[in-house]
Amino acid sequence: MSNVIKSTDYCDLLKQAIVQEGSDISAVEKIYVKAQGREEIRFTWYTEKEGKTRFQLRPLDLPEEELLELMKVGFEKEVFSPEFRNDLKRILAEFD
């Protein structure tokens, strides 16, 4: 397994890509979910206030342009596997 960035009772954070807009931080993360015994991708958001970053339990809502930027950073940070990238290319080619 990859190096663990952070560990909680729920999961290990393996890779993370973030885009910050003011105090809102959008993230795409590769996590290892301990109870399931598998790696998963999580889209989430954090808020930053007074130098502290807090995980938000609500869903991440983004306009398409910001979602594309977050995914681009996710590809750069290798959050997504090569197999996922190839499958995504194949799916997108079906809609050209």
PDB file of N, CA and C in Angstrom:
ATOM      1  N   MET A   1       0.845  -1.175   0.000  1.00  0.00           N
ATOM      2  CA  MET A   1       0.000   0.000   0.000  1.00  0.00           C
ATOM      3  C   MET A   1       0.893   1.243   0.000  1.00  0.00           C
ATOM      4  N   SER A   2       0.379   2.323  -0.560  1.00  0.00           N
ATOM      5  CA  SER A   2       1.116   3.583  -0.642  1.00  0.00           C
ATOM      6  C   SER A   2       1.410   4.143   0.748  1.00  0.00           C
ATOM      7  N   ASN A   3       2.236   5.171   0.782  1.00  0.00           N
ATOM      8  CA  ASN A   3       2.479   5.873   2.036  1.00  0.00           C
ATOM      9  C   ASN A   3       1.184   6.508   2.520  1.00  0.00           C
ATOM     10  N   VAL A   4       0.938   6.429   3.798  1.00  0.00           N
ATOM     11  CA  VAL A   4      -0.290   6.974   4.385  1.00  0.00           C
ATOM     12  C   VAL A   4      -0.040   8.422   4.784  1.00  0.00           C
ATOM     13  N   ILE A   5      -0.885   9.333   4.266  1.00  0.00           N
ATOM     14  CA  ILE A   5      -0.786  10.750   4.593  1.00  0.00           C
ATOM     15  C   ILE A   5      -1.410  11.014   5.964  1.00  0.00           C
ATOM     16  N   LYS A   6      -2.559  10.376   6.184  1.00  0.00           N
ATOM     17  CA  LYS A   6      -3.284  10.535   7.448  1.00  0.00           C
ATOM     18  C   LYS A   6      -4.110   9.272   7.669  1.00  0.00           C
ATOM     19  N   SER A   7      -4.291   8.912   8.932  1.00  0.00           N
ATOM     20  CA  SER A   7      -5.058   7.714   9.245  1.00  0.00           C
ATOM     21  C   SER A   7      -6.134   8.047  10.274  1.00  0.00           C
ATOM     22  N   THR A   8      -7.338   7.510  10.052  1.00  0.00           N
ATOM     23  CA  THR A   8      -8.426   7.621  11.014  1.00  0.00           C
ATOM     24  C   THR A   8      -8.955   6.212  11.262  1.00  0.00           C
ATOM     25  N   ASP A   9      -9.923   6.081  12.168  1.00  0.00           N
ATOM     26  CA  ASP A   9     -10.533   4.769  12.391  1.00  0.00           C
ATOM     27  C   ASP A   9     -11.214   4.270  11.118  1.00  0.00           C
ATOM     28  N   TYR A  10     -11.731   5.202  10.301  1.00  0.00           N
ATOM     29  CA  TYR A  10     -12.475   4.849   9.088  1.00  0.00           C
ATOM     30  C   TYR A  10     -11.554   4.458   7.931  1.00  0.00           C
ATOM     31  N   CYS A  11     -10.503   5.276   7.696  1.00  0.00           N
ATOM     32  CA  CYS A  11      -9.695   5.052   6.498  1.00  0.00           C
ATOM     33  C   CYS A  11      -8.290   5.602   6.642  1.00  0.00           C
ATOM     34  N   ASP A  12      -7.454   5.196   5.677  1.00  0.00           N
ATOM     35  CA  ASP A  12      -6.129   5.778   5.497  1.00  0.00           C
ATOM     36  C   ASP A  12      -6.189   6.657   4.252  1.00  0.00           C
ATOM     37  N   LEU A  13      -5.712   7.883   4.369  1.00  0.00           N
ATOM     38  CA  LEU A  13      -5.619   8.791   3.230  1.00  0.00           C
ATOM     39  C   LEU A  13      -4.306   8.506   2.522  1.00  0.00           C
ATOM     40  N   LEU A  14      -4.396   8.049   1.251  1.00  0.00           N
ATOM     41  CA  LEU A  14      -3.217   7.620   0.507  1.00  0.00           C
ATOM     42  C   LEU A  14      -2.677   8.698  -0.429  1.00  0.00           C
ATOM     43  N   LYS A  15      -3.580   9.359  -1.148  1.00  0.00           N
ATOM     44  CA  LYS A  15      -3.192  10.428  -2.072  1.00  0.00           C
ATOM     45  C   LYS A  15      -4.277  11.482  -2.040  1.00  0.00           C
ATOM     46  N   GLN A  16      -3.883  12.736  -2.289  1.00  0.00           N
ATOM     47  CA  GLN A  16      -4.847  13.829  -2.217  1.00  0.00           C
ATOM     48  C   GLN A  16      -4.476  14.910  -3.220  1.00  0.00           C
ATOM     49  N   ALA A  17      -5.489  15.435  -3.893  1.00  0.00           N
ATOM     50  CA  ALA A  17      -5.332  16.586  -4.777  1.00  0.00           C
ATOM     51  C   ALA A  17      -6.349  17.620  -4.335  1.00  0.00           C
ATOM     52  N   ILE A  18      -5.902  18.864  -4.182  1.00  0.00           N
ATOM     53  CA  ILE A  18      -6.807  19.902  -3.701  1.00  0.00           C
ATOM     54  C   ILE A  18      -6.779  21.118  -4.606  1.00  0.00           C
ATOM     55  N   VAL A  19      -7.912  21.819  -4.602  1.00  0.00           N
ATOM     56  CA  VAL A  19      -8.041  23.120  -5.252  1.00  0.00           C
ATOM     57  C   VAL A  19      -8.717  24.017  -4.227  1.00  0.00           C
ATOM     58  N   GLN A  20      -8.096  25.167  -3.941  1.00  0.00           N
ATOM     59  CA  GLN A  20      -8.651  26.057  -2.923  1.00  0.00           C
ATOM     60  C   GLN A  20      -9.215  27.305  -3.561  1.00  0.00           C
ATOM     61  N   GLU A  21     -10.411  27.681  -3.116  1.00  0.00           N
ATOM     62  CA  GLU A  21     -11.104  28.893  -3.544  1.00  0.00           C
ATOM     63  C   GLU A  21     -11.513  29.619  -2.271  1.00  0.00           C
ATOM     64  N   GLY A  22     -10.741  30.626  -1.891  1.00  0.00           N
ATOM     65  CA  GLY A  22     -11.008  31.311  -0.625  1.00  0.00           C
ATOM     66  C   GLY A  22     -10.793  30.359   0.536  1.00  0.00           C
ATOM     67  N   SER A  23     -11.808  30.254   1.399  1.00  0.00           N
ATOM     68  CA  SER A  23     -11.685  29.354   2.559  1.00  0.00           C
ATOM     69  C   SER A  23     -12.194  27.947   2.259  1.00  0.00           C
ATOM     70  N   ASP A  24     -12.737  27.726   1.057  1.00  0.00           N
ATOM     71  CA  ASP A  24     -13.231  26.400   0.668  1.00  0.00           C
ATOM     72  C   ASP A  24     -12.145  25.624  -0.062  1.00  0.00           C
ATOM     73  N   ILE A  25     -11.947  24.383   0.357  1.00  0.00           N
ATOM     74  CA  ILE A  25     -10.957  23.500  -0.255  1.00  0.00           C
ATOM     75  C   ILE A  25     -11.690  22.285  -0.811  1.00  0.00           C
ATOM     76  N   SER A  26     -11.636  22.113  -2.131  1.00  0.00           N
ATOM     77  CA  SER A  26     -12.201  20.927  -2.777  1.00  0.00           C
ATOM     78  C   SER A  26     -11.092  19.899  -2.896  1.00  0.00           C
ATOM     79  N   ALA A  27     -11.438  18.626  -2.692  1.00  0.00           N
ATOM     80  CA  ALA A  27     -10.411  17.588  -2.734  1.00  0.00           C
ATOM     81  C   ALA A  27     -10.930  16.332  -3.410  1.00  0.00           C
ATOM     82  N   VAL A  28     -10.030  15.665  -4.109  1.00  0.00           N
ATOM     83  CA  VAL A  28     -10.265  14.304  -4.580  1.00  0.00           C
ATOM     84  C   VAL A  28      -9.156  13.481  -3.939  1.00  0.00           C
ATOM     85  N   GLU A  29      -9.568  12.382  -3.314  1.00  0.00           N
ATOM     86  CA  GLU A  29      -8.634  11.618  -2.501  1.00  0.00           C
ATOM     87  C   GLU A  29      -8.726  10.129  -2.804  1.00  0.00           C
ATOM     88  N   LYS A  30      -7.577   9.473  -2.765  1.00  0.00           N
ATOM     89  CA  LYS A  30      -7.563   8.011  -2.796  1.00  0.00           C
ATOM     90  C   LYS A  30      -7.437   7.578  -1.344  1.00  0.00           C
ATOM     91  N   ILE A  31      -8.407   6.790  -0.886  1.00  0.00           N
ATOM     92  CA  ILE A  31      -8.418   6.342   0.496  1.00  0.00           C
ATOM     93  C   ILE A  31      -8.483   4.820   0.543  1.00  0.00           C
ATOM     94  N   TYR A  32      -7.998   4.273   1.638  1.00  0.00           N
ATOM     95  CA  TYR A  32      -8.142   2.854   1.908  1.00  0.00           C
ATOM     96  C   TYR A  32      -9.157   2.738   3.026  1.00  0.00           C
ATOM     97  N   VAL A  33     -10.338   2.178   2.694  1.00  0.00           N
ATOM     98  CA  VAL A  33     -11.416   2.026   3.670  1.00  0.00           C
ATOM     99  C   VAL A  33     -11.172   0.722   4.426  1.00  0.00           C
ATOM    100  N   LYS A  34     -10.905   0.859   5.696  1.00  0.00           N
ATOM    101  CA  LYS A  34     -10.475  -0.283   6.504  1.00  0.00           C
ATOM    102  C   LYS A  34     -11.543  -1.366   6.610  1.00  0.00           C
ATOM    103  N   ALA A  35     -12.794  -1.000   6.875  1.00  0.00           N
ATOM    104  CA  ALA A  35     -13.857  -1.995   7.048  1.00  0.00           C
ATOM    105  C   ALA A  35     -14.125  -2.763   5.754  1.00  0.00           C
ATOM    106  N   GLN A  36     -13.944  -2.108   4.602  1.00  0.00           N
ATOM    107  CA  GLN A  36     -14.182  -2.747   3.308  1.00  0.00           C
ATOM    108  C   GLN A  36     -12.940  -3.460   2.773  1.00  0.00           C
ATOM    109  N   GLY A  37     -11.773  -3.052   3.278  1.00  0.00           N
ATOM    110  CA  GLY A  37     -10.527  -3.650   2.809  1.00  0.00           C
ATOM    111  C   GLY A  37     -10.210  -3.322   1.369  1.00  0.00           C
ATOM    112  N   ARG A  38     -10.533  -2.076   0.949  1.00  0.00           N
ATOM    113  CA  ARG A  38     -10.282  -1.709  -0.451  1.00  0.00           C
ATOM    114  C   ARG A  38      -9.995  -0.212  -0.582  1.00  0.00           C
ATOM    115  N   GLU A  39      -9.354   0.130  -1.696  1.00  0.00           N
ATOM    116  CA  GLU A  39      -9.108   1.531  -2.025  1.00  0.00           C
ATOM    117  C   GLU A  39     -10.332   2.101  -2.727  1.00  0.00           C
ATOM    118  N   GLU A  40     -10.640   3.358  -2.412  1.00  0.00           N
ATOM    119  CA  GLU A  40     -11.763   4.067  -3.018  1.00  0.00           C
ATOM    120  C   GLU A  40     -11.348   5.501  -3.325  1.00  0.00           C
ATOM    121  N   ILE A  41     -12.122   6.142  -4.192  1.00  0.00           N
ATOM    122  CA  ILE A  41     -11.938   7.563  -4.509  1.00  0.00           C
ATOM    123  C   ILE A  41     -13.021   8.335  -3.772  1.00  0.00           C
ATOM    124  N   ARG A  42     -12.595   9.421  -3.107  1.00  0.00           N
ATOM    125  CA  ARG A  42     -13.545  10.255  -2.359  1.00  0.00           C
ATOM    126  C   ARG A  42     -13.418  11.694  -2.839  1.00  0.00           C
ATOM    127  N   PHE A  43     -14.545  12.282  -3.204  1.00  0.00           N
ATOM    128  CA  PHE A  43     -14.617  13.707  -3.480  1.00  0.00           C
ATOM    129  C   PHE A  43     -15.164  14.353  -2.213  1.00  0.00           C
ATOM    130  N   THR A  44     -14.459  15.350  -1.722  1.00  0.00           N
ATOM    131  CA  THR A  44     -14.864  15.960  -0.463  1.00  0.00           C
ATOM    132  C   THR A  44     -14.468  17.428  -0.427  1.00  0.00           C
ATOM    133  N   TRP A  45     -14.890  18.098   0.642  1.00  0.00           N
ATOM    134  CA  TRP A  45     -14.449  19.475   0.803  1.00  0.00           C
ATOM    135  C   TRP A  45     -14.151  19.773   2.257  1.00  0.00           C
ATOM    136  N   TYR A  46     -13.276  20.742   2.405  1.00  0.00           N
ATOM    137  CA  TYR A  46     -12.824  21.202   3.708  1.00  0.00           C
ATOM    138  C   TYR A  46     -13.024  22.711   3.760  1.00  0.00           C
ATOM    139  N   THR A  47     -13.108  23.262   4.957  1.00  0.00           N
ATOM    140  CA  THR A  47     -13.094  24.710   5.115  1.00  0.00           C
ATOM    141  C   THR A  47     -11.885  25.074   5.961  1.00  0.00           C
ATOM    142  N   GLU A  48     -11.355  26.234   5.668  1.00  0.00           N
ATOM    143  CA  GLU A  48     -10.201  26.725   6.408  1.00  0.00           C
ATOM    144  C   GLU A  48     -10.615  27.996   7.134  1.00  0.00           C
ATOM    145  N   LYS A  49     -10.413  27.991   8.443  1.00  0.00           N
ATOM    146  CA  LYS A  49     -10.766  29.152   9.250  1.00  0.00           C
ATOM    147  C   LYS A  49      -9.763  29.278  10.385  1.00  0.00           C
ATOM    148  N   GLU A  50      -9.228  30.469  10.529  1.00  0.00           N
ATOM    149  CA  GLU A  50      -8.267  30.762  11.594  1.00  0.00           C
ATOM    150  C   GLU A  50      -7.108  29.767  11.606  1.00  0.00           C
ATOM    151  N   GLY A  51      -6.623  29.406  10.410  1.00  0.00           N
ATOM    152  CA  GLY A  51      -5.478  28.521  10.301  1.00  0.00           C
ATOM    153  C   GLY A  51      -5.778  27.048  10.501  1.00  0.00           C
ATOM    154  N   LYS A  52      -7.048  26.691  10.694  1.00  0.00           N
ATOM    155  CA  LYS A  52      -7.423  25.290  10.883  1.00  0.00           C
ATOM    156  C   LYS A  52      -8.232  24.809   9.688  1.00  0.00           C
ATOM    157  N   THR A  53      -7.930  23.598   9.248  1.00  0.00           N
ATOM    158  CA  THR A  53      -8.657  22.984   8.141  1.00  0.00           C
ATOM    159  C   THR A  53      -9.611  21.952   8.720  1.00  0.00           C
ATOM    160  N   ARG A  54     -10.886  22.063   8.344  1.00  0.00           N
ATOM    161  CA  ARG A  54     -11.908  21.160   8.882  1.00  0.00           C
ATOM    162  C   ARG A  54     -12.612  20.401   7.754  1.00  0.00           C
ATOM    163  N   PHE A  55     -12.686  19.085   7.933  1.00  0.00           N
ATOM    164  CA  PHE A  55     -13.405  18.200   7.024  1.00  0.00           C
ATOM    165  C   PHE A  55     -14.907  18.488   7.146  1.00  0.00           C
ATOM    166  N   GLN A  56     -15.591  18.581   6.010  1.00  0.00           N
ATOM    167  CA  GLN A  56     -17.033  18.834   6.010  1.00  0.00           C
ATOM    168  C   GLN A  56     -17.780  17.538   5.703  1.00  0.00           C
ATOM    169  N   LEU A  57     -18.802  17.263   6.457  1.00  0.00           N
ATOM    170  CA  LEU A  57     -19.567  16.025   6.283  1.00  0.00           C
ATOM    171  C   LEU A  57     -20.625  16.134   5.194  1.00  0.00           C
ATOM    172  N   ARG A  58     -20.729  17.275   4.562  1.00  0.00           N
ATOM    173  CA  ARG A  58     -21.694  17.451   3.482  1.00  0.00           C
ATOM    174  C   ARG A  58     -21.047  17.120   2.137  1.00  0.00           C
ATOM    175  N   PRO A  59     -21.866  16.888   1.110  1.00  0.00           N
ATOM    176  CA  PRO A  59     -21.295  16.550  -0.205  1.00  0.00           C
ATOM    177  C   PRO A  59     -20.548  17.722  -0.830  1.00  0.00           C
ATOM    178  N   LEU A  60     -19.685  17.397  -1.744  1.00  0.00           N
ATOM    179  CA  LEU A  60     -18.957  18.401  -2.518  1.00  0.00           C
ATOM    180  C   LEU A  60     -19.811  18.779  -3.722  1.00  0.00           C
ATOM    181  N   ASP A  61     -20.148  20.048  -3.830  1.00  0.00           N
ATOM    182  CA  ASP A  61     -20.905  20.577  -4.966  1.00  0.00           C
ATOM    183  C   ASP A  61     -20.010  21.563  -5.711  1.00  0.00           C
ATOM    184  N   LEU A  62     -19.836  21.335  -7.018  1.00  0.00           N
ATOM    185  CA  LEU A  62     -18.972  22.195  -7.817  1.00  0.00           C
ATOM    186  C   LEU A  62     -19.586  22.457  -9.181  1.00  0.00           C
ATOM    187  N   PRO A  63     -19.336  23.640  -9.746  1.00  0.00           N
ATOM    188  CA  PRO A  63     -19.668  23.845 -11.159  1.00  0.00           C
ATOM    189  C   PRO A  63     -18.752  22.959 -12.010  1.00  0.00           C
ATOM    190  N   GLU A  64     -19.172  22.637 -13.212  1.00  0.00           N
ATOM    191  CA  GLU A  64     -18.401  21.734 -14.067  1.00  0.00           C
ATOM    192  C   GLU A  64     -16.958  22.181 -14.274  1.00  0.00           C
ATOM    193  N   GLU A  65     -16.739  23.510 -14.433  1.00  0.00           N
ATOM    194  CA  GLU A  65     -15.374  23.996 -14.677  1.00  0.00           C
ATOM    195  C   GLU A  65     -14.467  23.673 -13.489  1.00  0.00           C
ATOM    196  N   GLU A  66     -14.982  23.856 -12.273  1.00  0.00           N
ATOM    197  CA  GLU A  66     -14.176  23.583 -11.086  1.00  0.00           C
ATOM    198  C   GLU A  66     -13.982  22.077 -10.885  1.00  0.00           C
ATOM    199  N   LEU A  67     -14.979  21.282 -11.250  1.00  0.00           N
ATOM    200  CA  LEU A  67     -14.827  19.826 -11.177  1.00  0.00           C
ATOM    201  C   LEU A  67     -13.731  19.356 -12.128  1.00  0.00           C
ATOM    202  N   LEU A  68     -13.719  19.915 -13.334  1.00  0.00           N
ATOM    203  CA  LEU A  68     -12.669  19.549 -14.294  1.00  0.00           C
ATOM    204  C   LEU A  68     -11.287  19.939 -13.770  1.00  0.00           C
ATOM    205  N   GLU A  69     -11.177  21.116 -13.163  1.00  0.00           N
ATOM    206  CA  GLU A  69      -9.888  21.539 -12.606  1.00  0.00           C
ATOM    207  C   GLU A  69      -9.448  20.600 -11.491  1.00  0.00           C
ATOM    208  N   LEU A  70     -10.368  20.215 -10.620  1.00  0.00           N
ATOM    209  CA  LEU A  70     -10.046  19.290  -9.534  1.00  0.00           C
ATOM    210  C   LEU A  70      -9.611  17.936 -10.085  1.00  0.00           C
ATOM    211  N   MET A  71     -10.316  17.450 -11.086  1.00  0.00           N
ATOM    212  CA  MET A  71      -9.928  16.168 -11.684  1.00  0.00           C
ATOM    213  C   MET A  71      -8.556  16.268 -12.351  1.00  0.00           C
ATOM    214  N   LYS A  72      -8.280  17.387 -13.006  1.00  0.00           N
ATOM    215  CA  LYS A  72      -6.974  17.587 -13.635  1.00  0.00           C
ATOM    216  C   LYS A  72      -5.869  17.496 -12.585  1.00  0.00           C
ATOM    217  N   VAL A  73      -6.052  18.176 -11.466  1.00  0.00           N
ATOM    218  CA  VAL A  73      -5.058  18.118 -10.394  1.00  0.00           C
ATOM    219  C   VAL A  73      -4.976  16.695  -9.844  1.00  0.00           C
ATOM    220  N   GLY A  74      -6.115  16.006  -9.780  1.00  0.00           N
ATOM    221  CA  GLY A  74      -6.121  14.610  -9.344  1.00  0.00           C
ATOM    222  C   GLY A  74      -5.295  13.711 -10.251  1.00  0.00           C
ATOM    223  N   PHE A  75      -5.364  13.962 -11.571  1.00  0.00           N
ATOM    224  CA  PHE A  75      -4.540  13.200 -12.512  1.00  0.00           C
ATOM    225  C   PHE A  75      -3.058  13.524 -12.291  1.00  0.00           C
ATOM    226  N   GLU A  76      -2.753  14.815 -12.094  1.00  0.00           N
ATOM    227  CA  GLU A  76      -1.368  15.232 -11.870  1.00  0.00           C
ATOM    228  C   GLU A  76      -0.790  14.611 -10.596  1.00  0.00           C
ATOM    229  N   LYS A  77      -1.599  14.491  -9.554  1.00  0.00           N
ATOM    230  CA  LYS A  77      -1.150  13.948  -8.263  1.00  0.00           C
ATOM    231  C   LYS A  77      -1.287  12.423  -8.195  1.00  0.00           C
ATOM    232  N   GLU A  78      -1.674  11.814  -9.311  1.00  0.00           N
ATOM    233  CA  GLU A  78      -1.810  10.355  -9.436  1.00  0.00           C
ATOM    234  C   GLU A  78      -2.809   9.759  -8.441  1.00  0.00           C
ATOM    235  N   VAL A  79      -3.886  10.512  -8.179  1.00  0.00           N
ATOM    236  CA  VAL A  79      -4.971   9.988  -7.350  1.00  0.00           C
ATOM    237  C   VAL A  79      -5.692   8.869  -8.106  1.00  0.00           C
ATOM    238  N   PHE A  80      -5.829   9.048  -9.411  1.00  0.00           N
ATOM    239  CA  PHE A  80      -6.510   8.072 -10.257  1.00  0.00           C
ATOM    240  C   PHE A  80      -5.490   7.112 -10.860  1.00  0.00           C
ATOM    241  N   SER A  81      -5.841   5.842 -10.897  1.00  0.00           N
ATOM    242  CA  SER A  81      -4.938   4.822 -11.435  1.00  0.00           C
ATOM    243  C   SER A  81      -4.845   4.929 -12.959  1.00  0.00           C
ATOM    244  N   PRO A  82      -3.783   4.373 -13.545  1.00  0.00           N
ATOM    245  CA  PRO A  82      -3.684   4.336 -15.009  1.00  0.00           C
ATOM    246  C   PRO A  82      -4.869   3.584 -15.640  1.00  0.00           C
ATOM    247  N   GLU A  83      -5.348   2.535 -14.977  1.00  0.00           N
ATOM    248  CA  GLU A  83      -6.496   1.785 -15.513  1.00  0.00           C
ATOM    249  C   GLU A  83      -7.747   2.674 -15.562  1.00  0.00           C
ATOM    250  N   PHE A  84      -7.954   3.461 -14.523  1.00  0.00           N
ATOM    251  CA  PHE A  84      -9.107   4.365 -14.503  1.00  0.00           C
ATOM    252  C   PHE A  84      -8.993   5.389 -15.627  1.00  0.00           C
ATOM    253  N   ARG A  85      -7.798   5.959 -15.786  1.00  0.00           N
ATOM    254  CA  ARG A  85      -7.611   6.962 -16.839  1.00  0.00           C
ATOM    255  C   ARG A  85      -7.890   6.359 -18.214  1.00  0.00           C
ATOM    256  N   ASN A  86      -7.409   5.137 -18.468  1.00  0.00           N
ATOM    257  CA  ASN A  86      -7.659   4.489 -19.756  1.00  0.00           C
ATOM    258  C   ASN A  86      -9.139   4.192 -19.954  1.00  0.00           C
ATOM    259  N   ASP A  87      -9.814   3.732 -18.914  1.00  0.00           N
ATOM    260  CA  ASP A  87     -11.254   3.459 -19.014  1.00  0.00           C
ATOM    261  C   ASP A  87     -12.034   4.753 -19.261  1.00  0.00           C
ATOM    262  N   LEU A  88     -11.622   5.827 -18.612  1.00  0.00           N
ATOM    263  CA  LEU A  88     -12.293   7.111 -18.801  1.00  0.00           C
ATOM    264  C   LEU A  88     -12.115   7.602 -20.241  1.00  0.00           C
ATOM    265  N   LYS A  89     -10.910   7.455 -20.779  1.00  0.00           N
ATOM    266  CA  LYS A  89     -10.665   7.839 -22.177  1.00  0.00           C
ATOM    267  C   LYS A  89     -11.589   7.055 -23.115  1.00  0.00           C
ATOM    268  N   ARG A  90     -11.711   5.755 -22.856  1.00  0.00           N
ATOM    269  CA  ARG A  90     -12.553   4.907 -23.708  1.00  0.00           C
ATOM    270  C   ARG A  90     -14.015   5.347 -23.619  1.00  0.00           C
ATOM    271  N   ILE A  91     -14.489   5.615 -22.434  1.00  0.00           N
ATOM    272  CA  ILE A  91     -15.881   6.050 -22.253  1.00  0.00           C
ATOM    273  C   ILE A  91     -16.131   7.385 -22.935  1.00  0.00           C
ATOM    274  N   LEU A  92     -15.210   8.332 -22.758  1.00  0.00           N
ATOM    275  CA  LEU A  92     -15.371   9.665 -23.377  1.00  0.00           C
ATOM    276  C   LEU A  92     -15.352   9.576 -24.892  1.00  0.00           C
ATOM    277  N   ALA A  93     -14.542   8.662 -25.438  1.00  0.00           N
ATOM    278  CA  ALA A  93     -14.470   8.496 -26.895  1.00  0.00           C
ATOM    279  C   ALA A  93     -15.822   8.046 -27.468  1.00  0.00           C
ATOM    280  N   GLU A  94     -16.608   7.346 -26.674  1.00  0.00           N
ATOM    281  CA  GLU A  94     -17.933   6.902 -27.118  1.00  0.00           C
ATOM    282  C   GLU A  94     -18.885   8.071 -27.343  1.00  0.00           C
ATOM    283  N   PHE A  95     -18.606   9.221 -26.740  1.00  0.00           N
ATOM    284  CA  PHE A  95     -19.524  10.361 -26.809  1.00  0.00           C
ATOM    285  C   PHE A  95     -19.008  11.476 -27.715  1.00  0.00           C
ATOM    286  N   ASP A  96     -17.910  11.251 -28.421  1.00  0.00           N
ATOM    287  CA  ASP A  96     -17.390  12.252 -29.384  1.00  0.00           C
ATOM    288  C   ASP A  96     -18.179  12.254 -30.661  1.00  0.00           C
TER     289      ASP A  96
END
